[in-house]
Amino acid sequence: DDNGIFTEEAGQFSGLDVLGEGNTAVVKYLDENLSLIMEESYQHKYPYDWRTKKPTIFRATEQWFASVEGFREAAMDAIGRVNWVPPQ
């Protein structure tokens, strides 16, 4: 969720902090269910939010896409008239 907590969709991990106890619980679950080949600690450089100084968490969200049906040909024609800088 917006606070970095697993939601109810995460089942048994619901309510756990994604970067803390939630991560540990997921690794433990995978290991117990023989779904983990190897676990190795390494220094990961997360992108950080400049305001909060906390790691940025990427999550899947529902996305919407607009149909270009009806103006695709005009858009493609316009691309040919663009002055691209640099040209490549």
PDB file of N, CA and C in Angstrom:
ATOM      1  N   ASP A   1       0.840  -1.181   0.000  1.00  0.00           N
ATOM      2  CA  ASP A   1       0.000   0.000   0.000  1.00  0.00           C
ATOM      3  C   ASP A   1       0.887   1.248   0.000  1.00  0.00           C
ATOM      4  N   ASP A   2       0.287   2.401   0.167  1.00  0.00           N
ATOM      5  CA  ASP A   2       1.047   3.654   0.137  1.00  0.00           C
ATOM      6  C   ASP A   2       2.037   3.785   1.294  1.00  0.00           C
ATOM      7  N   ASN A   3       1.909   2.928   2.289  1.00  0.00           N
ATOM      8  CA  ASN A   3       2.809   2.985   3.442  1.00  0.00           C
ATOM      9  C   ASN A   3       3.863   1.883   3.427  1.00  0.00           C
ATOM     10  N   GLY A   4       3.928   1.118   2.327  1.00  0.00           N
ATOM     11  CA  GLY A   4       4.921   0.055   2.241  1.00  0.00           C
ATOM     12  C   GLY A   4       4.542  -1.192   3.025  1.00  0.00           C
ATOM     13  N   ILE A   5       3.258  -1.420   3.192  1.00  0.00           N
ATOM     14  CA  ILE A   5       2.744  -2.575   3.935  1.00  0.00           C
ATOM     15  C   ILE A   5       2.018  -3.497   2.962  1.00  0.00           C
ATOM     16  N   PHE A   6       2.271  -4.810   3.074  1.00  0.00           N
ATOM     17  CA  PHE A   6       1.546  -5.758   2.235  1.00  0.00           C
ATOM     18  C   PHE A   6       0.060  -5.667   2.538  1.00  0.00           C
ATOM     19  N   THR A   7      -0.776  -5.668   1.479  1.00  0.00           N
ATOM     20  CA  THR A   7      -2.228  -5.597   1.634  1.00  0.00           C
ATOM     21  C   THR A   7      -2.813  -7.003   1.754  1.00  0.00           C
ATOM     22  N   GLU A   8      -4.119  -7.092   1.883  1.00  0.00           N
ATOM     23  CA  GLU A   8      -4.777  -8.396   2.051  1.00  0.00           C
ATOM     24  C   GLU A   8      -4.557  -9.315   0.857  1.00  0.00           C
ATOM     25  N   GLU A   9      -4.270  -8.732  -0.319  1.00  0.00           N
ATOM     26  CA  GLU A   9      -3.987  -9.565  -1.488  1.00  0.00           C
ATOM     27  C   GLU A   9      -2.735 -10.415  -1.294  1.00  0.00           C
ATOM     28  N   ALA A  10      -1.890 -10.054  -0.351  1.00  0.00           N
ATOM     29  CA  ALA A  10      -0.655 -10.799  -0.089  1.00  0.00           C
ATOM     30  C   ALA A  10      -0.889 -11.985   0.847  1.00  0.00           C
ATOM     31  N   GLY A  11      -2.147 -12.249   1.179  1.00  0.00           N
ATOM     32  CA  GLY A  11      -2.477 -13.410   2.009  1.00  0.00           C
ATOM     33  C   GLY A  11      -1.811 -13.378   3.369  1.00  0.00           C
ATOM     34  N   GLN A  12      -1.050 -14.411   3.669  1.00  0.00           N
ATOM     35  CA  GLN A  12      -0.442 -14.541   4.998  1.00  0.00           C
ATOM     36  C   GLN A  12       0.569 -13.430   5.314  1.00  0.00           C
ATOM     37  N   PHE A  13       0.984 -12.677   4.309  1.00  0.00           N
ATOM     38  CA  PHE A  13       1.956 -11.604   4.526  1.00  0.00           C
ATOM     39  C   PHE A  13       1.281 -10.248   4.753  1.00  0.00           C
ATOM     40  N   SER A  14      -0.042 -10.229   4.710  1.00  0.00           N
ATOM     41  CA  SER A  14      -0.819  -9.012   4.903  1.00  0.00           C
ATOM     42  C   SER A  14      -0.438  -8.340   6.219  1.00  0.00           C
ATOM     43  N   GLY A  15      -0.227  -7.016   6.142  1.00  0.00           N
ATOM     44  CA  GLY A  15       0.087  -6.252   7.343  1.00  0.00           C
ATOM     45  C   GLY A  15       1.568  -6.138   7.651  1.00  0.00           C
ATOM     46  N   LEU A  16       2.402  -6.884   6.925  1.00  0.00           N
ATOM     47  CA  LEU A  16       3.841  -6.847   7.179  1.00  0.00           C
ATOM     48  C   LEU A  16       4.516  -5.760   6.341  1.00  0.00           C
ATOM     49  N   ASP A  17       5.567  -5.170   6.882  1.00  0.00           N
ATOM     50  CA  ASP A  17       6.345  -4.151   6.192  1.00  0.00           C
ATOM     51  C   ASP A  17       7.107  -4.788   5.039  1.00  0.00           C
ATOM     52  N   VAL A  18       6.953  -4.250   3.838  1.00  0.00           N
ATOM     53  CA  VAL A  18       7.543  -4.816   2.626  1.00  0.00           C
ATOM     54  C   VAL A  18       9.064  -4.939   2.735  1.00  0.00           C
ATOM     55  N   LEU A  19       9.728  -3.896   3.216  1.00  0.00           N
ATOM     56  CA  LEU A  19      11.189  -3.901   3.255  1.00  0.00           C
ATOM     57  C   LEU A  19      11.768  -4.500   4.537  1.00  0.00           C
ATOM     58  N   GLY A  20      10.929  -4.857   5.491  1.00  0.00           N
ATOM     59  CA  GLY A  20      11.413  -5.391   6.761  1.00  0.00           C
ATOM     60  C   GLY A  20      10.951  -6.812   6.994  1.00  0.00           C
ATOM     61  N   GLU A  21      10.061  -6.965   7.962  1.00  0.00           N
ATOM     62  CA  GLU A  21       9.600  -8.302   8.340  1.00  0.00           C
ATOM     63  C   GLU A  21       8.863  -9.016   7.210  1.00  0.00           C
ATOM     64  N   GLY A  22       8.260  -8.273   6.314  1.00  0.00           N
ATOM     65  CA  GLY A  22       7.574  -8.884   5.174  1.00  0.00           C
ATOM     66  C   GLY A  22       8.548  -9.583   4.252  1.00  0.00           C
ATOM     67  N   ASN A  23       9.646  -8.945   3.951  1.00  0.00           N
ATOM     68  CA  ASN A  23      10.675  -9.528   3.104  1.00  0.00           C
ATOM     69  C   ASN A  23      11.221 -10.808   3.739  1.00  0.00           C
ATOM     70  N   THR A  24      11.488 -10.753   5.020  1.00  0.00           N
ATOM     71  CA  THR A  24      11.992 -11.924   5.754  1.00  0.00           C
ATOM     72  C   THR A  24      10.987 -13.066   5.720  1.00  0.00           C
ATOM     73  N   ALA A  25       9.717 -12.744   5.907  1.00  0.00           N
ATOM     74  CA  ALA A  25       8.667 -13.768   5.910  1.00  0.00           C
ATOM     75  C   ALA A  25       8.517 -14.421   4.538  1.00  0.00           C
ATOM     76  N   VAL A  26       8.626 -13.643   3.469  1.00  0.00           N
ATOM     77  CA  VAL A  26       8.517 -14.199   2.118  1.00  0.00           C
ATOM     78  C   VAL A  26       9.676 -15.143   1.838  1.00  0.00           C
ATOM     79  N   VAL A  27      10.892 -14.748   2.189  1.00  0.00           N
ATOM     80  CA  VAL A  27      12.064 -15.604   1.970  1.00  0.00           C
ATOM     81  C   VAL A  27      11.926 -16.896   2.773  1.00  0.00           C
ATOM     82  N   LYS A  28      11.467 -16.789   4.012  1.00  0.00           N
ATOM     83  CA  LYS A  28      11.277 -17.984   4.856  1.00  0.00           C
ATOM     84  C   LYS A  28      10.238 -18.917   4.234  1.00  0.00           C
ATOM     85  N   TYR A  29       9.136 -18.357   3.752  1.00  0.00           N
ATOM     86  CA  TYR A  29       8.078 -19.151   3.117  1.00  0.00           C
ATOM     87  C   TYR A  29       8.617 -19.881   1.885  1.00  0.00           C
ATOM     88  N   LEU A  30       9.331 -19.169   1.035  1.00  0.00           N
ATOM     89  CA  LEU A  30       9.893 -19.786  -0.167  1.00  0.00           C
ATOM     90  C   LEU A  30      10.852 -20.914   0.192  1.00  0.00           C
ATOM     91  N   ASP A  31      11.670 -20.697   1.207  1.00  0.00           N
ATOM     92  CA  ASP A  31      12.627 -21.708   1.642  1.00  0.00           C
ATOM     93  C   ASP A  31      11.901 -22.944   2.187  1.00  0.00           C
ATOM     94  N   GLU A  32      10.906 -22.740   3.027  1.00  0.00           N
ATOM     95  CA  GLU A  32      10.157 -23.857   3.623  1.00  0.00           C
ATOM     96  C   GLU A  32       9.386 -24.660   2.577  1.00  0.00           C
ATOM     97  N   ASN A  33       9.018 -24.018   1.469  1.00  0.00           N
ATOM     98  CA  ASN A  33       8.264 -24.688   0.413  1.00  0.00           C
ATOM     99  C   ASN A  33       9.142 -25.131  -0.751  1.00  0.00           C
ATOM    100  N   LEU A  34      10.445 -25.203  -0.484  1.00  0.00           N
ATOM    101  CA  LEU A  34      11.434 -25.660  -1.457  1.00  0.00           C
ATOM    102  C   LEU A  34      11.324 -24.909  -2.785  1.00  0.00           C
ATOM    103  N   SER A  35      11.047 -23.616  -2.700  1.00  0.00           N
ATOM    104  CA  SER A  35      10.920 -22.782  -3.888  1.00  0.00           C
ATOM    105  C   SER A  35      12.049 -21.760  -3.993  1.00  0.00           C
ATOM    106  N   LEU A  36      13.060 -21.949  -3.159  1.00  0.00           N
ATOM    107  CA  LEU A  36      14.182 -21.024  -3.138  1.00  0.00           C
ATOM    108  C   LEU A  36      15.451 -21.809  -3.412  1.00  0.00           C
ATOM    109  N   ILE A  37      16.143 -21.442  -4.471  1.00  0.00           N
ATOM    110  CA  ILE A  37      17.376 -22.151  -4.820  1.00  0.00           C
ATOM    111  C   ILE A  37      18.516 -21.695  -3.938  1.00  0.00           C
ATOM    112  N   MET A  38      18.614 -20.378  -3.719  1.00  0.00           N
ATOM    113  CA  MET A  38      19.713 -19.840  -2.933  1.00  0.00           C
ATOM    114  C   MET A  38      19.327 -18.489  -2.356  1.00  0.00           C
ATOM    115  N   GLU A  39      19.833 -18.201  -1.201  1.00  0.00           N
ATOM    116  CA  GLU A  39      19.657 -16.875  -0.609  1.00  0.00           C
ATOM    117  C   GLU A  39      21.044 -16.342  -0.297  1.00  0.00           C
ATOM    118  N   GLU A  40      21.273 -15.104  -0.697  1.00  0.00           N
ATOM    119  CA  GLU A  40      22.579 -14.504  -0.472  1.00  0.00           C
ATOM    120  C   GLU A  40      22.396 -13.024  -0.168  1.00  0.00           C
ATOM    121  N   SER A  41      23.012 -12.561   0.885  1.00  0.00           N
ATOM    122  CA  SER A  41      22.940 -11.145   1.229  1.00  0.00           C
ATOM    123  C   SER A  41      23.871 -10.353   0.327  1.00  0.00           C
ATOM    124  N   TYR A  42      23.419  -9.191  -0.077  1.00  0.00           N
ATOM    125  CA  TYR A  42      24.263  -8.292  -0.857  1.00  0.00           C
ATOM    126  C   TYR A  42      23.803  -6.866  -0.594  1.00  0.00           C
ATOM    127  N   GLN A  43      24.676  -5.931  -0.844  1.00  0.00           N
ATOM    128  CA  GLN A  43      24.363  -4.521  -0.633  1.00  0.00           C
ATOM    129  C   GLN A  43      23.593  -4.002  -1.833  1.00  0.00           C
ATOM    130  N   HIS A  44      22.306  -3.781  -1.657  1.00  0.00           N
ATOM    131  CA  HIS A  44      21.467  -3.296  -2.743  1.00  0.00           C
ATOM    132  C   HIS A  44      21.296  -1.790  -2.597  1.00  0.00           C
ATOM    133  N   LYS A  45      21.399  -1.072  -3.694  1.00  0.00           N
ATOM    134  CA  LYS A  45      21.244   0.376  -3.655  1.00  0.00           C
ATOM    135  C   LYS A  45      19.855   0.746  -4.164  1.00  0.00           C
ATOM    136  N   TYR A  46      18.914   0.859  -3.241  1.00  0.00           N
ATOM    137  CA  TYR A  46      17.563   1.281  -3.591  1.00  0.00           C
ATOM    138  C   TYR A  46      17.577   2.757  -3.978  1.00  0.00           C
ATOM    139  N   PRO A  47      16.720   3.145  -4.907  1.00  0.00           N
ATOM    140  CA  PRO A  47      16.551   4.588  -5.124  1.00  0.00           C
ATOM    141  C   PRO A  47      15.826   5.160  -3.901  1.00  0.00           C
ATOM    142  N   TYR A  48      16.244   6.309  -3.446  1.00  0.00           N
ATOM    143  CA  TYR A  48      15.659   6.919  -2.256  1.00  0.00           C
ATOM    144  C   TYR A  48      14.856   8.152  -2.609  1.00  0.00           C
ATOM    145  N   ASP A  49      13.789   8.377  -1.847  1.00  0.00           N
ATOM    146  CA  ASP A  49      12.982   9.571  -1.995  1.00  0.00           C
ATOM    147  C   ASP A  49      13.767  10.750  -1.412  1.00  0.00           C
ATOM    148  N   TRP A  50      13.899  11.801  -2.166  1.00  0.00           N
ATOM    149  CA  TRP A  50      14.721  12.930  -1.730  1.00  0.00           C
ATOM    150  C   TRP A  50      14.141  13.641  -0.507  1.00  0.00           C
ATOM    151  N   ARG A  51      12.819  13.573  -0.314  1.00  0.00           N
ATOM    152  CA  ARG A  51      12.215  14.247   0.837  1.00  0.00           C
ATOM    153  C   ARG A  51      12.302  13.425   2.108  1.00  0.00           C
ATOM    154  N   THR A  52      11.842  12.167   2.018  1.00  0.00           N
ATOM    155  CA  THR A  52      11.755  11.342   3.230  1.00  0.00           C
ATOM    156  C   THR A  52      13.040  10.583   3.523  1.00  0.00           C
ATOM    157  N   LYS A  53      13.926  10.492   2.522  1.00  0.00           N
ATOM    158  CA  LYS A  53      15.187   9.733   2.633  1.00  0.00           C
ATOM    159  C   LYS A  53      14.929   8.243   2.834  1.00  0.00           C
ATOM    160  N   LYS A  54      13.732   7.769   2.451  1.00  0.00           N
ATOM    161  CA  LYS A  54      13.382   6.353   2.557  1.00  0.00           C
ATOM    162  C   LYS A  54      13.469   5.703   1.185  1.00  0.00           C
ATOM    163  N   PRO A  55      13.712   4.368   1.140  1.00  0.00           N
ATOM    164  CA  PRO A  55      13.769   3.684  -0.157  1.00  0.00           C
ATOM    165  C   PRO A  55      12.448   3.798  -0.907  1.00  0.00           C
ATOM    166  N   THR A  56      12.541   3.916  -2.222  1.00  0.00           N
ATOM    167  CA  THR A  56      11.360   3.941  -3.070  1.00  0.00           C
ATOM    168  C   THR A  56      10.936   2.496  -3.328  1.00  0.00           C
ATOM    169  N   ILE A  57       9.678   2.188  -3.094  1.00  0.00           N
ATOM    170  CA  ILE A  57       9.157   0.849  -3.309  1.00  0.00           C
ATOM    171  C   ILE A  57       8.368   0.861  -4.616  1.00  0.00           C
ATOM    172  N   PHE A  58       8.721  -0.023  -5.529  1.00  0.00           N
ATOM    173  CA  PHE A  58       7.998  -0.134  -6.789  1.00  0.00           C
ATOM    174  C   PHE A  58       6.902  -1.170  -6.618  1.00  0.00           C
ATOM    175  N   ARG A  59       5.726  -0.849  -7.075  1.00  0.00           N
ATOM    176  CA  ARG A  59       4.627  -1.800  -6.959  1.00  0.00           C
ATOM    177  C   ARG A  59       3.780  -1.795  -8.212  1.00  0.00           C
ATOM    178  N   ALA A  60       3.144  -2.914  -8.454  1.00  0.00           N
ATOM    179  CA  ALA A  60       2.279  -3.043  -9.620  1.00  0.00           C
ATOM    180  C   ALA A  60       0.947  -2.361  -9.322  1.00  0.00           C
ATOM    181  N   THR A  61       0.484  -1.566 -10.243  1.00  0.00           N
ATOM    182  CA  THR A  61      -0.810  -0.915 -10.098  1.00  0.00           C
ATOM    183  C   THR A  61      -1.609  -1.102 -11.384  1.00  0.00           C
ATOM    184  N   GLU A  62      -2.891  -0.965 -11.277  1.00  0.00           N
ATOM    185  CA  GLU A  62      -3.746  -1.061 -12.445  1.00  0.00           C
ATOM    186  C   GLU A  62      -3.431   0.104 -13.379  1.00  0.00           C
ATOM    187  N   GLN A  63      -3.335  -0.186 -14.653  1.00  0.00           N
ATOM    188  CA  GLN A  63      -3.007   0.851 -15.616  1.00  0.00           C
ATOM    189  C   GLN A  63      -4.096   0.949 -16.676  1.00  0.00           C
ATOM    190  N   TRP A  64      -4.232   2.126 -17.208  1.00  0.00           N
ATOM    191  CA  TRP A  64      -5.211   2.369 -18.250  1.00  0.00           C
ATOM    192  C   TRP A  64      -4.476   2.849 -19.492  1.00  0.00           C
ATOM    193  N   PHE A  65      -4.916   2.384 -20.636  1.00  0.00           N
ATOM    194  CA  PHE A  65      -4.295   2.770 -21.890  1.00  0.00           C
ATOM    195  C   PHE A  65      -5.354   3.347 -22.812  1.00  0.00           C
ATOM    196  N   ALA A  66      -5.020   4.428 -23.478  1.00  0.00           N
ATOM    197  CA  ALA A  66      -5.957   5.057 -24.411  1.00  0.00           C
ATOM    198  C   ALA A  66      -5.815   4.405 -25.779  1.00  0.00           C
ATOM    199  N   SER A  67      -6.905   4.249 -26.449  1.00  0.00           N
ATOM    200  CA  SER A  67      -6.891   3.723 -27.805  1.00  0.00           C
ATOM    201  C   SER A  67      -6.486   4.837 -28.764  1.00  0.00           C
ATOM    202  N   VAL A  68      -5.591   4.509 -29.698  1.00  0.00           N
ATOM    203  CA  VAL A  68      -5.185   5.481 -30.717  1.00  0.00           C
ATOM    204  C   VAL A  68      -5.998   5.296 -31.993  1.00  0.00           C
ATOM    205  N   GLU A  69      -6.948   4.379 -31.920  1.00  0.00           N
ATOM    206  CA  GLU A  69      -7.841   4.150 -33.064  1.00  0.00           C
ATOM    207  C   GLU A  69      -8.523   5.470 -33.400  1.00  0.00           C
ATOM    208  N   GLY A  70      -8.489   5.843 -34.635  1.00  0.00           N
ATOM    209  CA  GLY A  70      -9.127   7.087 -35.033  1.00  0.00           C
ATOM    210  C   GLY A  70      -8.145   8.215 -35.284  1.00  0.00           C
ATOM    211  N   PHE A  71      -6.965   8.185 -34.654  1.00  0.00           N
ATOM    212  CA  PHE A  71      -5.992   9.235 -34.935  1.00  0.00           C
ATOM    213  C   PHE A  71      -4.585   8.674 -35.142  1.00  0.00           C
ATOM    214  N   ARG A  72      -4.470   7.359 -35.219  1.00  0.00           N
ATOM    215  CA  ARG A  72      -3.164   6.734 -35.403  1.00  0.00           C
ATOM    216  C   ARG A  72      -2.484   7.208 -36.690  1.00  0.00           C
ATOM    217  N   GLU A  73      -3.205   7.203 -37.798  1.00  0.00           N
ATOM    218  CA  GLU A  73      -2.616   7.592 -39.088  1.00  0.00           C
ATOM    219  C   GLU A  73      -2.143   9.043 -39.054  1.00  0.00           C
ATOM    220  N   ALA A  74      -2.926   9.925 -38.466  1.00  0.00           N
ATOM    221  CA  ALA A  74      -2.535  11.337 -38.370  1.00  0.00           C
ATOM    222  C   ALA A  74      -1.291  11.487 -37.491  1.00  0.00           C
ATOM    223  N   ALA A  75      -1.217  10.720 -36.419  1.00  0.00           N
ATOM    224  CA  ALA A  75      -0.049  10.778 -35.532  1.00  0.00           C
ATOM    225  C   ALA A  75       1.197  10.285 -36.249  1.00  0.00           C
ATOM    226  N   MET A  76       1.073   9.193 -36.977  1.00  0.00           N
ATOM    227  CA  MET A  76       2.210   8.655 -37.708  1.00  0.00           C
ATOM    228  C   MET A  76       2.685   9.642 -38.777  1.00  0.00           C
ATOM    229  N   ASP A  77       1.747  10.318 -39.450  1.00  0.00           N
ATOM    230  CA  ASP A  77       2.108  11.335 -40.442  1.00  0.00           C
ATOM    231  C   ASP A  77       2.830  12.506 -39.768  1.00  0.00           C
ATOM    232  N   ALA A  78       2.357  12.923 -38.605  1.00  0.00           N
ATOM    233  CA  ALA A  78       2.970  14.044 -37.877  1.00  0.00           C
ATOM    234  C   ALA A  78       4.397  13.711 -37.444  1.00  0.00           C
ATOM    235  N   ILE A  79       4.642  12.465 -37.081  1.00  0.00           N
ATOM    236  CA  ILE A  79       5.987  12.056 -36.674  1.00  0.00           C
ATOM    237  C   ILE A  79       6.988  12.313 -37.791  1.00  0.00           C
ATOM    238  N   GLY A  80       6.546  12.109 -39.029  1.00  0.00           N
ATOM    239  CA  GLY A  80       7.415  12.343 -40.177  1.00  0.00           C
ATOM    240  C   GLY A  80       7.784  13.806 -40.372  1.00  0.00           C
ATOM    241  N   ARG A  81       7.013  14.706 -39.791  1.00  0.00           N
ATOM    242  CA  ARG A  81       7.274  16.141 -39.941  1.00  0.00           C
ATOM    243  C   ARG A  81       7.987  16.746 -38.738  1.00  0.00           C
ATOM    244  N   VAL A  82       8.339  15.913 -37.774  1.00  0.00           N
ATOM    245  CA  VAL A  82       9.017  16.406 -36.569  1.00  0.00           C
ATOM    246  C   VAL A  82      10.489  16.656 -36.877  1.00  0.00           C
ATOM    247  N   ASN A  83      11.013  17.765 -36.359  1.00  0.00           N
ATOM    248  CA  ASN A  83      12.440  18.064 -36.465  1.00  0.00           C
ATOM    249  C   ASN A  83      13.114  17.489 -35.214  1.00  0.00           C
ATOM    250  N   TRP A  84      13.659  16.281 -35.346  1.00  0.00           N
ATOM    251  CA  TRP A  84      14.251  15.569 -34.204  1.00  0.00           C
ATOM    252  C   TRP A  84      15.639  16.130 -33.897  1.00  0.00           C
ATOM    253  N   VAL A  85      15.894  16.441 -32.622  1.00  0.00           N
ATOM    254  CA  VAL A  85      17.187  16.958 -32.200  1.00  0.00           C
ATOM    255  C   VAL A  85      17.651  16.138 -31.009  1.00  0.00           C
ATOM    256  N   PRO A  86      18.722  15.402 -31.139  1.00  0.00           N
ATOM    257  CA  PRO A  86      19.523  15.170 -32.343  1.00  0.00           C
ATOM    258  C   PRO A  86      18.777  14.246 -33.296  1.00  0.00           C
ATOM    259  N   PRO A  87      19.179  14.222 -34.573  1.00  0.00           N
ATOM    260  CA  PRO A  87      18.463  13.467 -35.604  1.00  0.00           C
ATOM    261  C   PRO A  87      18.357  11.974 -35.332  1.00  0.00           C
ATOM    262  N   GLN A  88      19.374  11.377 -34.698  1.00  0.00           N
ATOM    263  CA  GLN A  88      19.335   9.928 -34.469  1.00  0.00           C
ATOM    264  C   GLN A  88      18.402   9.605 -33.331  1.00  0.00           C
TER     265      GLN A  88
END
